[in-house]
Amino acid sequence: MIGGTLSVDPGRIARKGRGDARTAFARHVAIYLACTRFGVTFTEAGRIFGRDRTTAAYACRRIEEARDGVRTDRLVEQLDRAVSARIGPAAGRERAA
């Protein structure tokens, strides 16, 4: 879902290497949603996406900072709602501050 919304082949998100800027951004959003929506730890997110925990932490910080921009905030909120509609709200979920 995330890869398609951002015009990135979902298979490219977990490939080795950074990829182009669009792929890296899509991966960062996916990691951010995994952590905020599912409560996945940075270590688990790194494992899922073929990265280390520090890279997962960086991805979450980057997206959280980017959410100060209206466009990115709307995109992430739209994706979060789409995930929620498919899986239901996560119990005790809080948006990262």
C-alpha atoms as a PDB file:
ATOM      1  CA  MET A   1       0.000   0.000   0.000  1.00  0.00           C
ATOM      2  CA  ILE A   2       2.674   2.544   0.977  1.00  0.00           C
ATOM      3  CA  GLY A   3       4.879   1.837  -2.012  1.00  0.00           C
ATOM      4  CA  GLY A   4       1.945   2.200  -4.403  1.00  0.00           C
ATOM      5  CA  THR A   5       0.762   5.446  -2.835  1.00  0.00           C
ATOM      6  CA  LEU A   6       4.225   6.945  -3.184  1.00  0.00           C
ATOM      7  CA  SER A   7       4.754   5.486  -6.678  1.00  0.00           C
ATOM      8  CA  VAL A   8       7.454   3.088  -5.500  1.00  0.00           C
ATOM      9  CA  ASP A   9       7.518  -0.631  -6.247  1.00  0.00           C
ATOM     10  CA  PRO A  10       6.917  -2.200  -2.795  1.00  0.00           C
ATOM     11  CA  GLY A  11       9.670  -4.723  -3.482  1.00  0.00           C
ATOM     12  CA  ARG A  12      12.248  -1.916  -3.618  1.00  0.00           C
ATOM     13  CA  ILE A  13      11.515  -0.720  -0.077  1.00  0.00           C
ATOM     14  CA  ALA A  14      13.368  -3.573   1.668  1.00  0.00           C
ATOM     15  CA  ARG A  15      16.157  -4.018  -0.900  1.00  0.00           C
ATOM     16  CA  LYS A  16      19.768  -3.529   0.121  1.00  0.00           C
ATOM     17  CA  GLY A  17      21.084  -0.065  -0.500  1.00  0.00           C
ATOM     18  CA  ARG A  18      19.361   3.263  -0.130  1.00  0.00           C
ATOM     19  CA  GLY A  19      17.815   3.449  -3.581  1.00  0.00           C
ATOM     20  CA  ASP A  20      16.624   6.732  -5.005  1.00  0.00           C
ATOM     21  CA  ALA A  21      15.162   9.499  -2.837  1.00  0.00           C
ATOM     22  CA  ARG A  22      11.557   8.410  -3.463  1.00  0.00           C
ATOM     23  CA  THR A  23      12.332   4.836  -2.405  1.00  0.00           C
ATOM     24  CA  ALA A  24      14.168   5.999   0.726  1.00  0.00           C
ATOM     25  CA  PHE A  25      11.259   8.282   1.680  1.00  0.00           C
ATOM     26  CA  ALA A  26       8.722   5.472   1.148  1.00  0.00           C
ATOM     27  CA  ARG A  27      10.859   3.180   3.325  1.00  0.00           C
ATOM     28  CA  HIS A  28      11.065   5.834   6.038  1.00  0.00           C
ATOM     29  CA  VAL A  29       7.298   6.262   6.021  1.00  0.00           C
ATOM     30  CA  ALA A  30       6.809   2.490   6.180  1.00  0.00           C
ATOM     31  CA  ILE A  31       9.213   2.202   9.129  1.00  0.00           C
ATOM     32  CA  TYR A  32       7.533   5.150  10.860  1.00  0.00           C
ATOM     33  CA  LEU A  33       4.081   3.571  10.490  1.00  0.00           C
ATOM     34  CA  ALA A  34       5.385   0.173  11.623  1.00  0.00           C
ATOM     35  CA  CYS A  35       6.680   1.782  14.803  1.00  0.00           C
ATOM     36  CA  THR A  36       3.777   4.150  15.503  1.00  0.00           C
ATOM     37  CA  ARG A  37       0.862   2.027  14.285  1.00  0.00           C
ATOM     38  CA  PHE A  38       2.052  -1.449  15.291  1.00  0.00           C
ATOM     39  CA  GLY A  39       4.377  -0.616  18.182  1.00  0.00           C
ATOM     40  CA  VAL A  40       7.303  -2.284  16.447  1.00  0.00           C
ATOM     41  CA  THR A  41      10.652  -1.501  18.097  1.00  0.00           C
ATOM     42  CA  PHE A  42      13.488   0.076  16.133  1.00  0.00           C
ATOM     43  CA  THR A  43      15.325  -3.246  16.291  1.00  0.00           C
ATOM     44  CA  GLU A  44      12.320  -5.131  14.897  1.00  0.00           C
ATOM     45  CA  ALA A  45      11.698  -2.483  12.222  1.00  0.00           C
ATOM     46  CA  GLY A  46      15.330  -2.667  11.184  1.00  0.00           C
ATOM     47  CA  ARG A  47      15.077  -6.425  10.847  1.00  0.00           C
ATOM     48  CA  ILE A  48      11.824  -6.221   8.857  1.00  0.00           C
ATOM     49  CA  PHE A  49      13.229  -3.659   6.431  1.00  0.00           C
ATOM     50  CA  GLY A  50      16.760  -5.052   6.211  1.00  0.00           C
ATOM     51  CA  ARG A  51      18.319  -2.183   8.162  1.00  0.00           C
ATOM     52  CA  ASP A  52      19.787  -1.738  11.633  1.00  0.00           C
ATOM     53  CA  ARG A  53      17.994  -0.187  14.591  1.00  0.00           C
ATOM     54  CA  THR A  54      19.776   3.149  14.269  1.00  0.00           C
ATOM     55  CA  THR A  55      18.567   3.480  10.691  1.00  0.00           C
ATOM     56  CA  ALA A  56      15.010   2.716  11.808  1.00  0.00           C
ATOM     57  CA  ALA A  57      15.295   5.341  14.552  1.00  0.00           C
ATOM     58  CA  TYR A  58      16.613   7.854  12.013  1.00  0.00           C
ATOM     59  CA  ALA A  59      13.714   7.089   9.659  1.00  0.00           C
ATOM     60  CA  CYS A  60      11.171   7.738  12.419  1.00  0.00           C
ATOM     61  CA  ARG A  61      12.858  11.005  13.426  1.00  0.00           C
ATOM     62  CA  ARG A  62      13.023  12.123   9.822  1.00  0.00           C
ATOM     63  CA  ILE A  63       9.321  11.505   9.201  1.00  0.00           C
ATOM     64  CA  GLU A  64       8.296  13.054  12.511  1.00  0.00           C
ATOM     65  CA  GLU A  65      10.241  16.208  11.607  1.00  0.00           C
ATOM     66  CA  ALA A  66       8.844  16.187   8.064  1.00  0.00           C
ATOM     67  CA  ARG A  67       5.312  16.095   9.512  1.00  0.00           C
ATOM     68  CA  ASP A  68       5.780  19.746  10.420  1.00  0.00           C
ATOM     69  CA  GLY A  69       5.065  20.312   6.747  1.00  0.00           C
ATOM     70  CA  VAL A  70       1.362  20.203   5.862  1.00  0.00           C
ATOM     71  CA  ARG A  71       1.843  18.054   2.759  1.00  0.00           C
ATOM     72  CA  THR A  72       3.847  15.327   4.499  1.00  0.00           C
ATOM     73  CA  ASP A  73       1.573  15.390   7.541  1.00  0.00           C
ATOM     74  CA  ARG A  74      -1.479  14.865   5.328  1.00  0.00           C
ATOM     75  CA  LEU A  75       0.215  12.025   3.445  1.00  0.00           C
ATOM     76  CA  VAL A  76       1.264  10.209   6.618  1.00  0.00           C
ATOM     77  CA  GLU A  77      -2.161  10.762   8.194  1.00  0.00           C
ATOM     78  CA  GLN A  78      -3.868   9.400   5.061  1.00  0.00           C
ATOM     79  CA  LEU A  79      -1.646   6.314   5.080  1.00  0.00           C
ATOM     80  CA  ASP A  80      -2.201   5.818   8.811  1.00  0.00           C
ATOM     81  CA  ARG A  81      -5.986   5.953   8.291  1.00  0.00           C
ATOM     82  CA  ALA A  82      -5.713   3.473   5.409  1.00  0.00           C
ATOM     83  CA  VAL A  83      -3.753   1.055   7.589  1.00  0.00           C
ATOM     84  CA  SER A  84      -6.245   1.524  10.422  1.00  0.00           C
ATOM     85  CA  ALA A  85      -9.168   0.822   8.090  1.00  0.00           C
ATOM     86  CA  ARG A  86      -7.581  -2.478   7.070  1.00  0.00           C
ATOM     87  CA  ILE A  87      -6.405  -3.722  10.463  1.00  0.00           C
ATOM     88  CA  GLY A  88      -8.385  -1.675  12.968  1.00  0.00           C
ATOM     89  CA  PRO A  89      -7.052   0.763  15.534  1.00  0.00           C
ATOM     90  CA  ALA A  90      -4.111  -0.436  17.607  1.00  0.00           C
ATOM     91  CA  ALA A  91      -4.799  -0.565  21.316  1.00  0.00           C
ATOM     92  CA  GLY A  92      -2.849   2.012  23.264  1.00  0.00           C
ATOM     93  CA  ARG A  93      -1.309   3.519  20.130  1.00  0.00           C
ATOM     94  CA  GLU A  94       0.112   6.997  20.495  1.00  0.00           C
ATOM     95  CA  ARG A  95       1.522   9.255  17.809  1.00  0.00           C
ATOM     96  CA  ALA A  96       5.202   9.909  18.408  1.00  0.00           C
ATOM     97  CA  ALA A  97       5.798  13.397  19.801  1.00  0.00           C
END
